[in-house]
Amino acid sequence: MSAPPPLLEVEDLVFSPRGAPRPLVAGVRFALHAGERVALVGASGAGKSTLARLIVRLLEPNAGRIHFLGRDLLALRGEPLRRLRAELQMVFQDPLAALGPRRRVGALLADPLRAFDLAPREELQVRVGELLRAVGLDPALALRFPHELSGGQRQRVAIARALASRPRLLVLDEPTSALDLSVRAQILNLIERLRAETNLATLVITHDLALVRAVADRVLVMDAGRIVEDRPVEALLAAPRADATRALLAAALRLPEPSPHSP
């Protein structure tokens, strides 16, 4: 029996802003299947966040193709693109900036339910409460503004909003980088639980190779706009091949200097 087609296929993607000395994304190609956990890693400036924004159509590439659910994503406009966006969602690095400060949490979560016709008006409040419970938050937080929440709570709200449309693929750009270690672990566990419950495919973008075992089975390493490694996580960590991978692994393993006041 033949293997199912990929959920997402990226082929020879190029993005070169006018005036840039080199392309930020330079001929990237990879595929991702339903339910798969993939990490996209690289140093700052490698092009990871730019690639994520190209995949979800927040930026338009200069060349290349993106196929999602068997459709040419770059050829879609208007209503067909709007409907396909329900299947492809993104969580940004800064949840406060992404959520916006002037609207209550309940209204922010109701937006995708309205936009994709997922709940009648009389059921919106119930669905918002369900979304908050799904990410481990009290439904009473629907009445608060984002700035009234902790960083971890805001990131959970951002994940809930992205999950409201029941996407097939969730792209997460540095979802834990601004959080302390205990909250980071909670968010990573939440993402994995939701992924396992819904067969959600995840593409997690990070600069930290120490995180990849928690979020991925496969790792794409990006350097200077290109994918330089695409391997299972354990094989990559055990024997990195690219210089960029070795540098990231060395940074992840580097321990802080002991404090002079340490016993």
C-alpha atoms as a PDB file:
ATOM      1  CA  MET A   1       0.000   0.000   0.000  1.00  0.00           C
ATOM      2  CA  SER A   2       1.404   3.409  -0.978  1.00  0.00           C
ATOM      3  CA  ALA A   3       2.232   5.964   1.693  1.00  0.00           C
ATOM      4  CA  PRO A   4      -0.210   8.843   2.183  1.00  0.00           C
ATOM      5  CA  PRO A   5       0.819  12.134   0.564  1.00  0.00           C
ATOM      6  CA  PRO A   6       2.479  14.750   2.779  1.00  0.00           C
ATOM      7  CA  LEU A   7       0.321  17.226   4.627  1.00  0.00           C
ATOM      8  CA  LEU A   8       2.757  20.014   3.692  1.00  0.00           C
ATOM      9  CA  GLU A   9       5.290  20.152   0.856  1.00  0.00           C
ATOM     10  CA  VAL A  10       7.714  23.050   0.450  1.00  0.00           C
ATOM     11  CA  GLU A  11       9.729  23.091  -2.765  1.00  0.00           C
ATOM     12  CA  ASP A  12      12.616  25.408  -3.683  1.00  0.00           C
ATOM     13  CA  LEU A  13      11.231  28.301  -1.636  1.00  0.00           C
ATOM     14  CA  VAL A  14      13.067  31.624  -2.007  1.00  0.00           C
ATOM     15  CA  PHE A  15      12.473  34.906  -0.204  1.00  0.00           C
ATOM     16  CA  SER A  16      14.761  37.845  -0.882  1.00  0.00           C
ATOM     17  CA  PRO A  17      13.521  41.265   0.279  1.00  0.00           C
ATOM     18  CA  ARG A  18      14.488  44.198  -1.897  1.00  0.00           C
ATOM     19  CA  GLY A  19      17.883  45.521  -0.853  1.00  0.00           C
ATOM     20  CA  ALA A  20      18.828  42.441   1.185  1.00  0.00           C
ATOM     21  CA  PRO A  21      22.461  41.320   0.649  1.00  0.00           C
ATOM     22  CA  ARG A  22      21.334  37.679   0.352  1.00  0.00           C
ATOM     23  CA  PRO A  23      18.061  35.718   0.359  1.00  0.00           C
ATOM     24  CA  LEU A  24      16.594  35.148   3.815  1.00  0.00           C
ATOM     25  CA  VAL A  25      15.211  31.841   2.526  1.00  0.00           C
ATOM     26  CA  ALA A  26      17.262  30.230  -0.237  1.00  0.00           C
ATOM     27  CA  GLY A  27      15.850  27.182  -2.008  1.00  0.00           C
ATOM     28  CA  VAL A  28      14.245  25.462   1.000  1.00  0.00           C
ATOM     29  CA  ARG A  29      12.488  22.150   0.454  1.00  0.00           C
ATOM     30  CA  PHE A  30      10.986  19.656   2.906  1.00  0.00           C
ATOM     31  CA  ALA A  31       7.792  17.700   3.562  1.00  0.00           C
ATOM     32  CA  LEU A  32       5.739  17.142   6.716  1.00  0.00           C
ATOM     33  CA  HIS A  33       3.094  14.453   7.246  1.00  0.00           C
ATOM     34  CA  ALA A  34      -0.129  14.349   9.237  1.00  0.00           C
ATOM     35  CA  GLY A  35       0.485  14.000  12.964  1.00  0.00           C
ATOM     36  CA  GLU A  36       4.246  14.465  12.589  1.00  0.00           C
ATOM     37  CA  ARG A  37       6.356  16.395  15.125  1.00  0.00           C
ATOM     38  CA  VAL A  38       9.076  18.429  13.428  1.00  0.00           C
ATOM     39  CA  ALA A  39      11.448  21.018  14.881  1.00  0.00           C
ATOM     40  CA  LEU A  40      13.021  23.752  12.772  1.00  0.00           C
ATOM     41  CA  VAL A  41      16.213  24.901  14.480  1.00  0.00           C
ATOM     42  CA  GLY A  42      18.925  27.395  13.707  1.00  0.00           C
ATOM     43  CA  ALA A  43      20.850  30.336  15.071  1.00  0.00           C
ATOM     44  CA  SER A  44      19.372  33.831  15.127  1.00  0.00           C
ATOM     45  CA  GLY A  45      19.189  35.152  11.569  1.00  0.00           C
ATOM     46  CA  ALA A  46      19.117  31.696   9.981  1.00  0.00           C
ATOM     47  CA  GLY A  47      15.710  32.387   8.421  1.00  0.00           C
ATOM     48  CA  LYS A  48      13.465  30.234  10.631  1.00  0.00           C
ATOM     49  CA  SER A  49      10.769  32.807  11.435  1.00  0.00           C
ATOM     50  CA  THR A  50      10.776  34.069   7.853  1.00  0.00           C
ATOM     51  CA  LEU A  51      10.186  30.531   6.602  1.00  0.00           C
ATOM     52  CA  ALA A  52       7.314  30.100   9.075  1.00  0.00           C
ATOM     53  CA  ARG A  53       5.655  33.296   7.836  1.00  0.00           C
ATOM     54  CA  LEU A  54       6.027  32.152   4.244  1.00  0.00           C
ATOM     55  CA  ILE A  55       4.357  28.827   5.048  1.00  0.00           C
ATOM     56  CA  VAL A  56       1.301  30.494   6.602  1.00  0.00           C
ATOM     57  CA  ARG A  57       1.150  33.150   3.831  1.00  0.00           C
ATOM     58  CA  LEU A  58       2.041  36.156   5.974  1.00  0.00           C
ATOM     59  CA  LEU A  59       4.870  36.735   3.489  1.00  0.00           C
ATOM     60  CA  GLU A  60       4.927  36.002  -0.243  1.00  0.00           C
ATOM     61  CA  PRO A  61       7.981  34.178  -1.644  1.00  0.00           C
ATOM     62  CA  ASN A  62       9.943  35.257  -4.705  1.00  0.00           C
ATOM     63  CA  ALA A  63       9.991  31.698  -6.013  1.00  0.00           C
ATOM     64  CA  GLY A  64       9.063  28.141  -5.105  1.00  0.00           C
ATOM     65  CA  ARG A  65       5.926  26.185  -4.246  1.00  0.00           C
ATOM     66  CA  ILE A  66       3.966  25.353  -1.091  1.00  0.00           C
ATOM     67  CA  HIS A  67       1.411  22.547  -1.223  1.00  0.00           C
ATOM     68  CA  PHE A  68      -0.871  22.029   1.759  1.00  0.00           C
ATOM     69  CA  LEU A  69      -3.524  19.316   1.877  1.00  0.00           C
ATOM     70  CA  GLY A  70      -2.753  18.678  -1.777  1.00  0.00           C
ATOM     71  CA  ARG A  71      -3.505  22.249  -2.858  1.00  0.00           C
ATOM     72  CA  ASP A  72      -1.205  24.922  -4.218  1.00  0.00           C
ATOM     73  CA  LEU A  73      -1.255  27.332  -1.292  1.00  0.00           C
ATOM     74  CA  LEU A  74       0.400  30.169  -3.210  1.00  0.00           C
ATOM     75  CA  ALA A  75      -2.250  30.078  -5.946  1.00  0.00           C
ATOM     76  CA  LEU A  76      -5.155  30.565  -3.542  1.00  0.00           C
ATOM     77  CA  ARG A  77      -6.856  33.924  -3.037  1.00  0.00           C
ATOM     78  CA  GLY A  78     -10.000  35.182  -1.353  1.00  0.00           C
ATOM     79  CA  GLU A  79     -12.471  32.697   0.089  1.00  0.00           C
ATOM     80  CA  PRO A  80     -10.549  29.486  -0.813  1.00  0.00           C
ATOM     81  CA  LEU A  81      -7.476  30.830   1.007  1.00  0.00           C
ATOM     82  CA  ARG A  82      -9.558  31.958   3.993  1.00  0.00           C
ATOM     83  CA  ARG A  83     -11.066  28.504   4.375  1.00  0.00           C
ATOM     84  CA  LEU A  84      -7.737  26.724   4.073  1.00  0.00           C
ATOM     85  CA  ARG A  85      -6.295  29.006   6.784  1.00  0.00           C
ATOM     86  CA  ALA A  86      -8.549  27.216   9.254  1.00  0.00           C
ATOM     87  CA  GLU A  87      -6.376  24.122   8.727  1.00  0.00           C
ATOM     88  CA  LEU A  88      -3.044  25.954   9.076  1.00  0.00           C
ATOM     89  CA  GLN A  89      -2.475  28.118  12.148  1.00  0.00           C
ATOM     90  CA  MET A  90       0.483  29.792  13.848  1.00  0.00           C
ATOM     91  CA  VAL A  91       1.467  30.685  17.425  1.00  0.00           C
ATOM     92  CA  PHE A  92       3.851  33.627  17.636  1.00  0.00           C
ATOM     93  CA  GLN A  93       6.809  34.218  19.927  1.00  0.00           C
ATOM     94  CA  ASP A  94       5.301  37.263  21.696  1.00  0.00           C
ATOM     95  CA  PRO A  95       1.737  36.414  22.760  1.00  0.00           C
ATOM     96  CA  LEU A  96       1.023  39.893  24.114  1.00  0.00           C
ATOM     97  CA  ALA A  97       1.806  41.513  20.764  1.00  0.00           C
ATOM     98  CA  ALA A  98      -0.069  38.786  18.867  1.00  0.00           C
ATOM     99  CA  LEU A  99      -3.193  38.982  21.017  1.00  0.00           C
ATOM    100  CA  GLY A 100      -3.396  42.764  21.224  1.00  0.00           C
ATOM    101  CA  PRO A 101      -4.022  44.684  24.442  1.00  0.00           C
ATOM    102  CA  ARG A 102      -7.467  46.240  23.958  1.00  0.00           C
ATOM    103  CA  ARG A 103      -9.782  43.247  23.656  1.00  0.00           C
ATOM    104  CA  ARG A 104     -10.807  40.736  26.271  1.00  0.00           C
ATOM    105  CA  VAL A 105      -9.670  37.137  26.048  1.00  0.00           C
ATOM    106  CA  GLY A 106     -13.190  35.892  25.310  1.00  0.00           C
ATOM    107  CA  ALA A 107     -13.528  38.180  22.299  1.00  0.00           C
ATOM    108  CA  LEU A 108     -10.110  37.133  20.995  1.00  0.00           C
ATOM    109  CA  LEU A 109     -11.054  33.459  21.174  1.00  0.00           C
ATOM    110  CA  ALA A 110     -14.457  34.058  19.631  1.00  0.00           C
ATOM    111  CA  ASP A 111     -12.915  35.704  16.543  1.00  0.00           C
ATOM    112  CA  PRO A 112     -11.782  32.503  14.776  1.00  0.00           C
ATOM    113  CA  LEU A 113     -15.029  30.755  15.703  1.00  0.00           C
ATOM    114  CA  ARG A 114     -16.929  33.509  13.900  1.00  0.00           C
ATOM    115  CA  ALA A 115     -14.461  33.833  11.026  1.00  0.00           C
ATOM    116  CA  PHE A 116     -14.649  30.153  10.132  1.00  0.00           C
ATOM    117  CA  ASP A 117     -18.365  29.697  10.966  1.00  0.00           C
ATOM    118  CA  LEU A 118     -17.594  27.147  13.669  1.00  0.00           C
ATOM    119  CA  ALA A 119     -20.229  28.137  16.234  1.00  0.00           C
ATOM    120  CA  PRO A 120     -23.536  30.039  16.196  1.00  0.00           C
ATOM    121  CA  ARG A 121     -23.634  33.250  18.201  1.00  0.00           C
ATOM    122  CA  GLU A 122     -25.567  31.709  21.067  1.00  0.00           C
ATOM    123  CA  GLU A 123     -22.868  29.038  21.556  1.00  0.00           C
ATOM    124  CA  LEU A 124     -19.808  31.282  21.380  1.00  0.00           C
ATOM    125  CA  GLN A 125     -19.458  31.722  25.123  1.00  0.00           C
ATOM    126  CA  VAL A 126     -19.661  27.963  25.707  1.00  0.00           C
ATOM    127  CA  ARG A 127     -17.076  27.256  23.007  1.00  0.00           C
ATOM    128  CA  VAL A 128     -14.725  29.914  24.409  1.00  0.00           C
ATOM    129  CA  GLY A 129     -14.964  28.249  27.819  1.00  0.00           C
ATOM    130  CA  GLU A 130     -14.170  24.875  26.243  1.00  0.00           C
ATOM    131  CA  LEU A 131     -11.096  26.311  24.523  1.00  0.00           C
ATOM    132  CA  LEU A 132      -9.816  27.782  27.784  1.00  0.00           C
ATOM    133  CA  ARG A 133     -10.351  24.505  29.624  1.00  0.00           C
ATOM    134  CA  ALA A 134      -8.547  22.623  26.834  1.00  0.00           C
ATOM    135  CA  VAL A 135      -5.378  24.618  27.533  1.00  0.00           C
ATOM    136  CA  GLY A 136      -5.729  24.330  31.301  1.00  0.00           C
ATOM    137  CA  LEU A 137      -7.185  27.774  32.051  1.00  0.00           C
ATOM    138  CA  ASP A 138     -10.215  28.866  34.063  1.00  0.00           C
ATOM    139  CA  PRO A 139     -13.054  30.011  31.740  1.00  0.00           C
ATOM    140  CA  ALA A 140     -13.430  33.062  34.013  1.00  0.00           C
ATOM    141  CA  LEU A 141     -10.267  34.425  32.371  1.00  0.00           C
ATOM    142  CA  ALA A 142     -12.382  35.176  29.292  1.00  0.00           C
ATOM    143  CA  LEU A 143     -13.300  38.477  30.953  1.00  0.00           C
ATOM    144  CA  ARG A 144      -9.700  39.629  31.387  1.00  0.00           C
ATOM    145  CA  PHE A 145      -7.448  41.576  29.053  1.00  0.00           C
ATOM    146  CA  PRO A 146      -4.177  39.945  27.922  1.00  0.00           C
ATOM    147  CA  HIS A 147      -2.030  42.328  29.985  1.00  0.00           C
ATOM    148  CA  GLU A 148      -3.823  41.093  33.116  1.00  0.00           C
ATOM    149  CA  LEU A 149      -2.498  37.548  32.558  1.00  0.00           C
ATOM    150  CA  SER A 150       0.880  36.000  33.270  1.00  0.00           C
ATOM    151  CA  GLY A 151       3.234  35.176  30.396  1.00  0.00           C
ATOM    152  CA  GLY A 152       2.356  31.494  30.599  1.00  0.00           C
ATOM    153  CA  GLN A 153      -1.374  32.236  30.640  1.00  0.00           C
ATOM    154  CA  ARG A 154      -1.032  34.508  27.601  1.00  0.00           C
ATOM    155  CA  GLN A 155       0.812  31.812  25.675  1.00  0.00           C
ATOM    156  CA  ARG A 156      -1.933  29.313  26.549  1.00  0.00           C
ATOM    157  CA  VAL A 157      -4.536  31.767  25.263  1.00  0.00           C
ATOM    158  CA  ALA A 158      -2.546  32.181  22.044  1.00  0.00           C
ATOM    159  CA  ILE A 159      -2.459  28.389  21.621  1.00  0.00           C
ATOM    160  CA  ALA A 160      -6.189  28.159  22.342  1.00  0.00           C
ATOM    161  CA  ARG A 161      -6.923  30.757  19.667  1.00  0.00           C
ATOM    162  CA  ALA A 162      -4.807  28.909  17.132  1.00  0.00           C
ATOM    163  CA  LEU A 163      -6.589  25.634  17.977  1.00  0.00           C
ATOM    164  CA  ALA A 164     -10.076  27.150  17.761  1.00  0.00           C
ATOM    165  CA  SER A 165     -10.391  26.283  14.065  1.00  0.00           C
ATOM    166  CA  ARG A 166      -9.228  22.682  14.653  1.00  0.00           C
ATOM    167  CA  PRO A 167      -6.191  22.964  12.355  1.00  0.00           C
ATOM    168  CA  ARG A 168      -4.299  20.071  10.836  1.00  0.00           C
ATOM    169  CA  LEU A 169      -0.934  21.846  11.191  1.00  0.00           C
ATOM    170  CA  LEU A 170       0.219  24.190  13.964  1.00  0.00           C
ATOM    171  CA  VAL A 171       3.357  26.279  13.447  1.00  0.00           C
ATOM    172  CA  LEU A 172       4.850  27.520  16.736  1.00  0.00           C
ATOM    173  CA  ASP A 173       7.553  30.193  16.579  1.00  0.00           C
ATOM    174  CA  GLU A 174       9.760  30.049  19.707  1.00  0.00           C
ATOM    175  CA  PRO A 175       6.668  29.308  21.851  1.00  0.00           C
ATOM    176  CA  THR A 176       8.570  29.119  25.160  1.00  0.00           C
ATOM    177  CA  SER A 177      11.563  31.437  24.736  1.00  0.00           C
ATOM    178  CA  ALA A 178      10.126  34.237  26.908  1.00  0.00           C
ATOM    179  CA  LEU A 179       9.010  31.922  29.734  1.00  0.00           C
ATOM    180  CA  ASP A 180      10.805  30.692  32.835  1.00  0.00           C
ATOM    181  CA  LEU A 181      11.778  27.031  33.035  1.00  0.00           C
ATOM    182  CA  SER A 182       8.792  25.758  35.037  1.00  0.00           C
ATOM    183  CA  VAL A 183       6.237  27.478  32.782  1.00  0.00           C
ATOM    184  CA  ARG A 184       8.190  26.380  29.697  1.00  0.00           C
ATOM    185  CA  ALA A 185       7.779  22.746  30.751  1.00  0.00           C
ATOM    186  CA  GLN A 186       4.036  23.257  31.244  1.00  0.00           C
ATOM    187  CA  ILE A 187       3.633  24.749  27.762  1.00  0.00           C
ATOM    188  CA  LEU A 188       5.659  21.981  26.118  1.00  0.00           C
ATOM    189  CA  ASN A 189       3.595  19.325  27.909  1.00  0.00           C
ATOM    190  CA  LEU A 190       0.413  21.096  26.845  1.00  0.00           C
ATOM    191  CA  ILE A 191       1.466  21.165  23.182  1.00  0.00           C
ATOM    192  CA  GLU A 192       2.329  17.476  23.253  1.00  0.00           C
ATOM    193  CA  ARG A 193      -0.952  16.524  24.964  1.00  0.00           C
ATOM    194  CA  LEU A 194      -3.031  18.468  22.447  1.00  0.00           C
ATOM    195  CA  ARG A 195      -1.061  17.032  19.554  1.00  0.00           C
ATOM    196  CA  ALA A 196      -1.562  13.466  20.781  1.00  0.00           C
ATOM    197  CA  GLU A 197      -5.300  13.984  21.338  1.00  0.00           C
ATOM    198  CA  THR A 198      -6.019  15.441  17.895  1.00  0.00           C
ATOM    199  CA  ASN A 199      -3.323  13.953  15.586  1.00  0.00           C
ATOM    200  CA  LEU A 200      -2.175  17.509  15.032  1.00  0.00           C
ATOM    201  CA  ALA A 201       1.043  18.012  13.068  1.00  0.00           C
ATOM    202  CA  THR A 202       3.427  20.511  14.666  1.00  0.00           C
ATOM    203  CA  LEU A 203       6.332  22.531  13.317  1.00  0.00           C
ATOM    204  CA  VAL A 204       8.151  24.052  16.293  1.00  0.00           C
ATOM    205  CA  ILE A 205      10.726  26.757  15.581  1.00  0.00           C
ATOM    206  CA  THR A 206      13.532  27.187  18.078  1.00  0.00           C
ATOM    207  CA  HIS A 207      17.180  28.152  18.353  1.00  0.00           C
ATOM    208  CA  ASP A 208      17.646  25.736  21.257  1.00  0.00           C
ATOM    209  CA  LEU A 209      18.614  22.156  20.411  1.00  0.00           C
ATOM    210  CA  ALA A 210      18.117  21.234  24.064  1.00  0.00           C
ATOM    211  CA  LEU A 211      14.351  21.461  23.511  1.00  0.00           C
ATOM    212  CA  VAL A 212      13.999  19.277  20.450  1.00  0.00           C
ATOM    213  CA  ARG A 213      13.564  15.934  22.228  1.00  0.00           C
ATOM    214  CA  ALA A 214      10.473  17.383  23.936  1.00  0.00           C
ATOM    215  CA  VAL A 215       8.829  18.695  20.776  1.00  0.00           C
ATOM    216  CA  ALA A 216       9.997  16.650  17.796  1.00  0.00           C
ATOM    217  CA  ASP A 217      10.809  13.298  16.282  1.00  0.00           C
ATOM    218  CA  ARG A 218      12.557  14.921  13.327  1.00  0.00           C
ATOM    219  CA  VAL A 219      14.737  18.019  13.071  1.00  0.00           C
ATOM    220  CA  LEU A 220      15.369  20.447  10.237  1.00  0.00           C
ATOM    221  CA  VAL A 221      18.499  22.546  10.763  1.00  0.00           C
ATOM    222  CA  MET A 222      18.546  25.905   8.996  1.00  0.00           C
ATOM    223  CA  ASP A 223      21.623  27.987   8.296  1.00  0.00           C
ATOM    224  CA  ALA A 224      21.897  31.129   6.129  1.00  0.00           C
ATOM    225  CA  GLY A 225      18.453  30.522   4.640  1.00  0.00           C
ATOM    226  CA  ARG A 226      18.993  26.863   3.736  1.00  0.00           C
ATOM    227  CA  ILE A 227      18.108  23.500   5.269  1.00  0.00           C
ATOM    228  CA  VAL A 228      21.475  21.863   5.992  1.00  0.00           C
ATOM    229  CA  GLU A 229      20.204  18.770   7.861  1.00  0.00           C
ATOM    230  CA  ASP A 230      16.891  16.880   7.916  1.00  0.00           C
ATOM    231  CA  ARG A 231      17.159  13.848  10.203  1.00  0.00           C
ATOM    232  CA  PRO A 232      15.490  11.980  13.086  1.00  0.00           C
ATOM    233  CA  VAL A 233      16.155  13.783  16.353  1.00  0.00           C
ATOM    234  CA  GLU A 234      18.187  11.068  18.085  1.00  0.00           C
ATOM    235  CA  ALA A 235      20.421  10.472  15.060  1.00  0.00           C
ATOM    236  CA  LEU A 236      21.047  14.176  14.646  1.00  0.00           C
ATOM    237  CA  LEU A 237      21.892  14.754  18.304  1.00  0.00           C
ATOM    238  CA  ALA A 238      24.165  11.714  18.421  1.00  0.00           C
ATOM    239  CA  ALA A 239      26.152  12.567  15.273  1.00  0.00           C
ATOM    240  CA  PRO A 240      25.550  16.057  13.869  1.00  0.00           C
ATOM    241  CA  ARG A 241      26.864  16.460  10.331  1.00  0.00           C
ATOM    242  CA  ALA A 242      26.641  20.177   9.571  1.00  0.00           C
ATOM    243  CA  ASP A 243      28.813  22.841  11.180  1.00  0.00           C
ATOM    244  CA  ALA A 244      25.680  24.791  12.099  1.00  0.00           C
ATOM    245  CA  THR A 245      24.257  21.758  13.929  1.00  0.00           C
ATOM    246  CA  ARG A 246      27.474  21.197  15.849  1.00  0.00           C
ATOM    247  CA  ALA A 247      27.530  24.856  16.902  1.00  0.00           C
ATOM    248  CA  LEU A 248      23.932  24.682  18.124  1.00  0.00           C
ATOM    249  CA  LEU A 249      24.611  21.473  20.028  1.00  0.00           C
ATOM    250  CA  ALA A 250      27.702  22.973  21.665  1.00  0.00           C
ATOM    251  CA  ALA A 251      25.634  25.977  22.764  1.00  0.00           C
ATOM    252  CA  ALA A 252      22.926  23.717  24.185  1.00  0.00           C
ATOM    253  CA  LEU A 253      25.459  21.690  26.186  1.00  0.00           C
ATOM    254  CA  ARG A 254      27.424  24.671  27.475  1.00  0.00           C
ATOM    255  CA  LEU A 255      26.932  25.077  31.220  1.00  0.00           C
ATOM    256  CA  PRO A 256      26.880  28.474  32.922  1.00  0.00           C
ATOM    257  CA  GLU A 257      29.905  29.512  34.935  1.00  0.00           C
ATOM    258  CA  PRO A 258      29.435  28.704  38.651  1.00  0.00           C
ATOM    259  CA  SER A 259      28.650  31.621  40.897  1.00  0.00           C
ATOM    260  CA  PRO A 260      31.514  32.688  43.196  1.00  0.00           C
ATOM    261  CA  HIS A 261      29.037  32.319  46.046  1.00  0.00           C
ATOM    262  CA  SER A 262      28.155  28.723  45.144  1.00  0.00           C
ATOM    263  CA  PRO A 263      29.084  26.153  47.811  1.00  0.00           C
END
